[in-house]
Amino acid sequence: MSTIAVLEDDQRRISAIRAAAKVHFPSYELRIFISAYEMIAWLASAPHSAELLSLDCDLDSTATDGSECGTGEDVTEYLASNLPECPVLIHSSNAMRAPAMHMELALAGCKRVMLCPFRDSDSWANDVRLQLDSE
């Protein structure tokens, strides 16, 4: 099964993304990560598992178990050194850091990276579809 991997910690966005994925991408597995470090570990262990990565920038500083979560910039740094074969969607609304994430990946040679701040689940699904269809 193909996977869409999402870095997001806001429960409202997670619920919206889950609902949109269920409707628009029923044949895909949706993997949600609330920790940048967990996503990096997953990417390192299964580098070709994702069909698409969707990244937020700002995460709560600690996960529910109290461990440090990192940020989307941590995942971007990892990806810049380990270029993904799949498209990357940066869905963060951070007006300063999200463009910096996009630029880091583009300068590293990531050919399919798109900056699409999260507005609602329909816009996220449309942006995902654009990226998946560009393959």
N, C-alpha and C. Protein backbone atom coordinates (compact mmCIF):
# COMPACT_ATOMS: atom_id res chain seq x y z
N MET A 1 0.84 -1.19 0.00
CA MET A 1 0.00 0.00 0.00
C MET A 1 0.88 1.24 0.00
N SER A 2 0.54 2.21 -0.80
CA SER A 2 1.26 3.47 -0.87
C SER A 2 0.97 4.31 0.38
N THR A 3 1.94 5.12 0.76
CA THR A 3 1.84 5.87 2.01
C THR A 3 1.98 7.36 1.77
N ILE A 4 1.13 8.12 2.44
CA ILE A 4 1.27 9.56 2.57
C ILE A 4 1.70 9.79 4.01
N ALA A 5 2.89 10.37 4.20
CA ALA A 5 3.41 10.61 5.55
C ALA A 5 3.30 12.09 5.87
N VAL A 6 2.72 12.39 7.03
CA VAL A 6 2.42 13.76 7.41
C VAL A 6 3.06 14.08 8.76
N LEU A 7 3.76 15.21 8.82
CA LEU A 7 4.29 15.74 10.07
C LEU A 7 3.34 16.84 10.52
N GLU A 8 2.62 16.59 11.59
CA GLU A 8 1.62 17.55 12.09
C GLU A 8 1.30 17.22 13.53
N ASP A 9 1.18 18.24 14.37
CA ASP A 9 0.86 18.00 15.77
C ASP A 9 -0.47 18.63 16.21
N ASP A 10 -1.05 19.48 15.40
CA ASP A 10 -2.32 20.11 15.75
C ASP A 10 -3.46 19.12 15.53
N GLN A 11 -4.18 18.79 16.59
CA GLN A 11 -5.21 17.75 16.50
C GLN A 11 -6.34 18.12 15.55
N ARG A 12 -6.66 19.40 15.43
CA ARG A 12 -7.71 19.80 14.47
C ARG A 12 -7.25 19.55 13.04
N ARG A 13 -6.02 19.89 12.75
CA ARG A 13 -5.50 19.63 11.41
C ARG A 13 -5.38 18.13 11.15
N ILE A 14 -4.93 17.40 12.15
CA ILE A 14 -4.81 15.94 11.99
C ILE A 14 -6.17 15.34 11.66
N SER A 15 -7.20 15.75 12.38
CA SER A 15 -8.55 15.24 12.11
C SER A 15 -9.00 15.61 10.70
N ALA A 16 -8.73 16.84 10.29
CA ALA A 16 -9.12 17.29 8.96
C ALA A 16 -8.35 16.52 7.88
N ILE A 17 -7.07 16.31 8.09
CA ILE A 17 -6.24 15.57 7.13
C ILE A 17 -6.71 14.13 7.04
N ARG A 18 -6.99 13.51 8.19
CA ARG A 18 -7.49 12.11 8.18
C ARG A 18 -8.79 12.01 7.39
N ALA A 19 -9.71 12.94 7.62
CA ALA A 19 -11.00 12.92 6.93
C ALA A 19 -10.81 13.11 5.43
N ALA A 20 -9.94 14.05 5.04
CA ALA A 20 -9.70 14.29 3.62
C ALA A 20 -9.03 13.09 2.96
N ALA A 21 -8.08 12.49 3.65
CA ALA A 21 -7.38 11.33 3.08
C ALA A 21 -8.34 10.16 2.91
N LYS A 22 -9.24 9.99 3.85
CA LYS A 22 -10.22 8.89 3.76
C LYS A 22 -11.10 9.04 2.52
N VAL A 23 -11.47 10.28 2.20
CA VAL A 23 -12.34 10.54 1.05
C VAL A 23 -11.55 10.55 -0.26
N HIS A 24 -10.43 11.28 -0.27
CA HIS A 24 -9.71 11.53 -1.52
C HIS A 24 -8.62 10.52 -1.85
N PHE A 25 -8.09 9.85 -0.83
CA PHE A 25 -6.97 8.93 -1.04
C PHE A 25 -7.20 7.61 -0.30
N PRO A 26 -8.32 6.95 -0.56
CA PRO A 26 -8.66 5.75 0.21
C PRO A 26 -7.70 4.58 -0.01
N SER A 27 -6.97 4.58 -1.11
CA SER A 27 -6.04 3.48 -1.37
C SER A 27 -4.66 3.73 -0.76
N TYR A 28 -4.50 4.86 -0.08
CA TYR A 28 -3.22 5.20 0.55
C TYR A 28 -3.29 4.98 2.06
N GLU A 29 -2.18 4.53 2.61
CA GLU A 29 -2.02 4.51 4.06
C GLU A 29 -1.62 5.92 4.47
N LEU A 30 -2.21 6.43 5.53
CA LEU A 30 -1.85 7.74 6.06
C LEU A 30 -1.06 7.54 7.34
N ARG A 31 0.18 8.03 7.36
CA ARG A 31 1.02 7.95 8.56
C ARG A 31 1.19 9.36 9.08
N ILE A 32 0.75 9.58 10.31
CA ILE A 32 0.86 10.88 10.95
C ILE A 32 1.97 10.81 11.99
N PHE A 33 2.87 11.78 11.95
CA PHE A 33 3.94 11.89 12.93
C PHE A 33 3.77 13.22 13.66
N ILE A 34 3.82 13.19 14.99
CA ILE A 34 3.76 14.43 15.77
C ILE A 34 5.16 14.84 16.21
N SER A 35 6.15 14.03 15.92
CA SER A 35 7.54 14.30 16.27
C SER A 35 8.39 14.23 15.01
N ALA A 36 9.20 15.26 14.82
CA ALA A 36 10.13 15.27 13.69
C ALA A 36 11.10 14.10 13.78
N TYR A 37 11.53 13.79 14.99
CA TYR A 37 12.52 12.72 15.17
C TYR A 37 11.93 11.35 14.85
N GLU A 38 10.66 11.15 15.16
CA GLU A 38 10.01 9.89 14.80
C GLU A 38 9.88 9.77 13.28
N MET A 39 9.56 10.88 12.62
CA MET A 39 9.45 10.85 11.16
C MET A 39 10.82 10.58 10.54
N ILE A 40 11.86 11.22 11.05
CA ILE A 40 13.21 11.00 10.52
C ILE A 40 13.62 9.54 10.69
N ALA A 41 13.33 8.96 11.86
CA ALA A 41 13.68 7.55 12.10
C ALA A 41 12.93 6.65 11.11
N TRP A 42 11.66 6.95 10.87
CA TRP A 42 10.88 6.16 9.92
C TRP A 42 11.45 6.31 8.51
N LEU A 43 11.78 7.53 8.11
CA LEU A 43 12.35 7.76 6.78
C LEU A 43 13.69 7.03 6.63
N ALA A 44 14.49 7.04 7.67
CA ALA A 44 15.79 6.36 7.62
C ALA A 44 15.64 4.84 7.51
N SER A 45 14.61 4.31 8.16
CA SER A 45 14.41 2.85 8.17
C SER A 45 13.69 2.36 6.92
N ALA A 46 12.93 3.23 6.29
CA ALA A 46 12.16 2.85 5.10
C ALA A 46 12.19 4.00 4.11
N PRO A 47 13.36 4.28 3.50
CA PRO A 47 13.52 5.51 2.72
C PRO A 47 12.62 5.64 1.49
N HIS A 48 12.09 4.56 0.98
CA HIS A 48 11.26 4.64 -0.23
C HIS A 48 9.81 4.27 0.04
N SER A 49 9.39 4.37 1.29
CA SER A 49 8.05 3.95 1.66
C SER A 49 6.96 4.96 1.32
N ALA A 50 7.31 6.22 1.26
CA ALA A 50 6.29 7.26 1.08
C ALA A 50 6.11 7.63 -0.39
N GLU A 51 4.87 7.86 -0.76
CA GLU A 51 4.54 8.41 -2.07
C GLU A 51 4.54 9.93 -2.02
N LEU A 52 4.35 10.47 -0.80
CA LEU A 52 4.34 11.92 -0.60
C LEU A 52 4.62 12.21 0.87
N LEU A 53 5.36 13.30 1.11
CA LEU A 53 5.60 13.79 2.46
C LEU A 53 4.93 15.16 2.58
N SER A 54 4.22 15.38 3.68
CA SER A 54 3.56 16.65 3.94
C SER A 54 4.07 17.14 5.29
N LEU A 55 4.71 18.32 5.29
CA LEU A 55 5.41 18.78 6.48
C LEU A 55 4.86 20.08 7.05
N ASP A 56 4.65 20.09 8.35
CA ASP A 56 4.41 21.32 9.09
C ASP A 56 5.77 21.77 9.61
N CYS A 57 5.88 23.01 10.01
CA CYS A 57 7.14 23.51 10.55
C CYS A 57 7.12 23.52 12.07
N ASP A 58 6.17 24.23 12.63
CA ASP A 58 6.12 24.44 14.07
C ASP A 58 5.38 23.29 14.75
N LEU A 59 6.07 22.65 15.67
CA LEU A 59 5.46 21.58 16.47
C LEU A 59 5.50 22.00 17.92
N ASP A 60 4.60 21.44 18.74
CA ASP A 60 4.71 21.67 20.17
C ASP A 60 6.09 21.20 20.59
N SER A 61 6.66 21.84 21.56
CA SER A 61 8.03 21.52 21.95
C SER A 61 8.17 20.12 22.52
N THR A 62 7.07 19.58 23.06
CA THR A 62 7.15 18.24 23.63
C THR A 62 5.94 17.42 23.21
N ALA A 63 6.18 16.14 23.03
CA ALA A 63 5.11 15.21 22.70
C ALA A 63 4.34 14.85 23.95
N THR A 64 3.31 14.05 23.79
CA THR A 64 2.48 13.68 24.93
C THR A 64 3.28 12.95 26.00
N ASP A 65 4.36 12.27 25.62
CA ASP A 65 5.18 11.57 26.62
C ASP A 65 6.26 12.46 27.21
N GLY A 66 6.31 13.73 26.80
CA GLY A 66 7.27 14.67 27.35
C GLY A 66 8.59 14.75 26.60
N SER A 67 8.75 13.94 25.55
CA SER A 67 10.00 13.97 24.79
C SER A 67 10.01 15.15 23.82
N GLU A 68 11.19 15.60 23.45
CA GLU A 68 11.35 16.70 22.50
C GLU A 68 10.84 16.28 21.13
N CYS A 69 10.10 17.18 20.45
CA CYS A 69 9.50 16.87 19.14
C CYS A 69 10.30 17.36 17.95
N GLY A 70 11.12 18.36 18.13
CA GLY A 70 11.81 18.96 17.00
C GLY A 70 10.86 19.80 16.18
N THR A 71 11.25 20.08 14.93
CA THR A 71 10.44 20.91 14.03
C THR A 71 10.50 20.33 12.61
N GLY A 72 9.69 20.88 11.75
CA GLY A 72 9.74 20.50 10.36
C GLY A 72 11.09 20.83 9.74
N GLU A 73 11.77 21.82 10.28
CA GLU A 73 13.10 22.15 9.79
C GLU A 73 14.09 21.01 10.03
N ASP A 74 13.89 20.25 11.11
CA ASP A 74 14.74 19.09 11.36
C ASP A 74 14.54 18.04 10.27
N VAL A 75 13.30 17.82 9.87
CA VAL A 75 13.00 16.86 8.80
C VAL A 75 13.57 17.39 7.48
N THR A 76 13.42 18.68 7.24
CA THR A 76 13.95 19.28 6.02
C THR A 76 15.46 19.11 5.94
N GLU A 77 16.14 19.33 7.04
CA GLU A 77 17.59 19.15 7.07
C GLU A 77 17.97 17.71 6.73
N TYR A 78 17.24 16.76 7.30
CA TYR A 78 17.48 15.35 6.99
C TYR A 78 17.24 15.09 5.49
N LEU A 79 16.13 15.59 4.97
CA LEU A 79 15.78 15.35 3.57
C LEU A 79 16.78 16.02 2.62
N ALA A 80 17.33 17.16 3.01
CA ALA A 80 18.31 17.84 2.16
C ALA A 80 19.57 16.98 1.98
N SER A 81 19.87 16.15 2.96
CA SER A 81 21.03 15.25 2.88
C SER A 81 20.66 13.88 2.34
N ASN A 82 19.39 13.57 2.33
CA ASN A 82 18.88 12.27 1.89
C ASN A 82 17.68 12.53 0.98
N LEU A 83 17.94 13.06 -0.19
CA LEU A 83 16.86 13.53 -1.06
C LEU A 83 15.80 12.46 -1.29
N PRO A 84 14.55 12.82 -1.03
CA PRO A 84 13.47 11.86 -1.24
C PRO A 84 13.16 11.70 -2.73
N GLU A 85 12.68 10.54 -3.08
CA GLU A 85 12.23 10.31 -4.45
C GLU A 85 10.80 10.79 -4.65
N CYS A 86 10.09 10.97 -3.55
CA CYS A 86 8.68 11.37 -3.61
C CYS A 86 8.55 12.89 -3.48
N PRO A 87 7.40 13.43 -3.86
CA PRO A 87 7.15 14.85 -3.69
C PRO A 87 7.07 15.23 -2.21
N VAL A 88 7.42 16.48 -1.93
CA VAL A 88 7.33 17.04 -0.58
C VAL A 88 6.41 18.25 -0.63
N LEU A 89 5.42 18.24 0.22
CA LEU A 89 4.48 19.35 0.35
C LEU A 89 4.75 20.00 1.71
N ILE A 90 5.04 21.27 1.72
CA ILE A 90 5.22 21.99 2.98
C ILE A 90 3.92 22.72 3.25
N HIS A 91 3.16 22.20 4.22
CA HIS A 91 1.83 22.75 4.48
C HIS A 91 1.82 23.73 5.66
N SER A 92 2.99 24.11 6.13
CA SER A 92 3.11 25.04 7.26
C SER A 92 2.63 26.43 6.87
N SER A 93 2.05 27.13 7.83
CA SER A 93 1.60 28.51 7.63
C SER A 93 2.61 29.52 8.16
N ASN A 94 3.75 29.04 8.64
CA ASN A 94 4.78 29.93 9.17
C ASN A 94 5.40 30.72 8.01
N ALA A 95 5.11 32.02 7.96
CA ALA A 95 5.48 32.86 6.82
C ALA A 95 6.99 33.04 6.66
N MET A 96 7.76 32.79 7.68
CA MET A 96 9.22 32.93 7.59
C MET A 96 9.91 31.58 7.39
N ARG A 97 9.53 30.62 8.20
CA ARG A 97 10.26 29.35 8.21
C ARG A 97 9.83 28.39 7.10
N ALA A 98 8.57 28.41 6.72
CA ALA A 98 8.12 27.51 5.65
C ALA A 98 8.84 27.81 4.32
N PRO A 99 8.95 29.08 3.91
CA PRO A 99 9.72 29.35 2.68
C PRO A 99 11.19 28.95 2.81
N ALA A 100 11.75 29.08 4.01
CA ALA A 100 13.13 28.66 4.22
C ALA A 100 13.27 27.14 4.06
N MET A 101 12.27 26.39 4.53
CA MET A 101 12.28 24.94 4.34
C MET A 101 12.23 24.60 2.85
N HIS A 102 11.35 25.29 2.14
CA HIS A 102 11.21 25.09 0.70
C HIS A 102 12.55 25.38 -0.01
N MET A 103 13.15 26.49 0.34
CA MET A 103 14.41 26.90 -0.29
C MET A 103 15.53 25.89 0.00
N GLU A 104 15.60 25.40 1.24
CA GLU A 104 16.63 24.43 1.59
C GLU A 104 16.51 23.17 0.73
N LEU A 105 15.29 22.69 0.58
CA LEU A 105 15.09 21.48 -0.23
C LEU A 105 15.36 21.75 -1.71
N ALA A 106 14.92 22.88 -2.20
CA ALA A 106 15.14 23.22 -3.61
C ALA A 106 16.64 23.35 -3.90
N LEU A 107 17.36 24.03 -3.03
CA LEU A 107 18.80 24.20 -3.23
C LEU A 107 19.56 22.88 -3.10
N ALA A 108 19.03 21.95 -2.32
CA ALA A 108 19.66 20.64 -2.18
C ALA A 108 19.43 19.76 -3.40
N GLY A 109 18.46 20.15 -4.23
CA GLY A 109 18.18 19.39 -5.45
C GLY A 109 16.88 18.62 -5.44
N CYS A 110 16.05 18.85 -4.45
CA CYS A 110 14.73 18.20 -4.41
C CYS A 110 13.89 18.79 -5.55
N LYS A 111 13.52 17.97 -6.48
CA LYS A 111 12.86 18.46 -7.69
C LYS A 111 11.36 18.67 -7.53
N ARG A 112 10.74 18.01 -6.57
CA ARG A 112 9.29 18.12 -6.41
C ARG A 112 8.97 18.55 -4.99
N VAL A 113 9.14 19.84 -4.75
CA VAL A 113 8.81 20.42 -3.45
C VAL A 113 7.86 21.58 -3.69
N MET A 114 6.82 21.66 -2.89
CA MET A 114 5.76 22.65 -3.10
C MET A 114 5.40 23.28 -1.76
N LEU A 115 5.30 24.58 -1.73
CA LEU A 115 4.92 25.32 -0.54
C LEU A 115 3.44 25.65 -0.64
N CYS A 116 2.63 25.06 0.25
CA CYS A 116 1.17 25.22 0.23
C CYS A 116 0.65 25.34 1.65
N PRO A 117 0.62 26.54 2.21
CA PRO A 117 0.13 26.68 3.59
C PRO A 117 -1.26 26.06 3.76
N PHE A 118 -1.45 25.39 4.88
CA PHE A 118 -2.70 24.70 5.18
C PHE A 118 -3.81 25.73 5.39
N ARG A 119 -4.87 25.63 4.58
CA ARG A 119 -6.05 26.48 4.75
C ARG A 119 -7.21 25.66 5.29
N ASP A 120 -7.43 24.51 4.66
CA ASP A 120 -8.48 23.60 5.09
C ASP A 120 -8.20 22.25 4.46
N SER A 121 -8.99 21.26 4.82
CA SER A 121 -8.73 19.90 4.36
C SER A 121 -8.89 19.77 2.84
N ASP A 122 -9.83 20.50 2.25
CA ASP A 122 -10.03 20.42 0.80
C ASP A 122 -8.82 20.99 0.05
N SER A 123 -8.29 22.11 0.52
CA SER A 123 -7.11 22.68 -0.15
C SER A 123 -5.91 21.76 0.02
N TRP A 124 -5.76 21.16 1.21
CA TRP A 124 -4.66 20.21 1.42
C TRP A 124 -4.80 19.03 0.45
N ALA A 125 -6.00 18.48 0.33
CA ALA A 125 -6.21 17.35 -0.57
C ALA A 125 -5.92 17.73 -2.02
N ASN A 126 -6.32 18.93 -2.43
CA ASN A 126 -6.03 19.39 -3.80
C ASN A 126 -4.52 19.52 -4.03
N ASP A 127 -3.81 20.05 -3.03
CA ASP A 127 -2.36 20.20 -3.15
C ASP A 127 -1.68 18.84 -3.20
N VAL A 128 -2.15 17.90 -2.40
CA VAL A 128 -1.60 16.53 -2.43
C VAL A 128 -1.85 15.92 -3.80
N ARG A 129 -3.05 16.08 -4.31
CA ARG A 129 -3.39 15.51 -5.63
C ARG A 129 -2.48 16.09 -6.71
N LEU A 130 -2.24 17.39 -6.68
CA LEU A 130 -1.35 18.03 -7.65
C LEU A 130 0.04 17.39 -7.61
N GLN A 131 0.53 17.16 -6.41
CA GLN A 131 1.87 16.57 -6.25
C GLN A 131 1.88 15.11 -6.71
N LEU A 132 0.87 14.36 -6.34
CA LEU A 132 0.83 12.94 -6.74
C LEU A 132 0.66 12.80 -8.24
N ASP A 133 -0.11 13.69 -8.84
CA ASP A 133 -0.34 13.62 -10.29
C ASP A 133 0.88 14.07 -11.09
N SER A 134 1.80 14.77 -10.44
CA SER A 134 2.99 15.25 -11.16
C SER A 134 4.04 14.18 -11.33
N GLU A 135 3.81 13.02 -10.77
CA GLU A 135 4.79 11.93 -10.85
C GLU A 135 4.84 11.33 -12.20
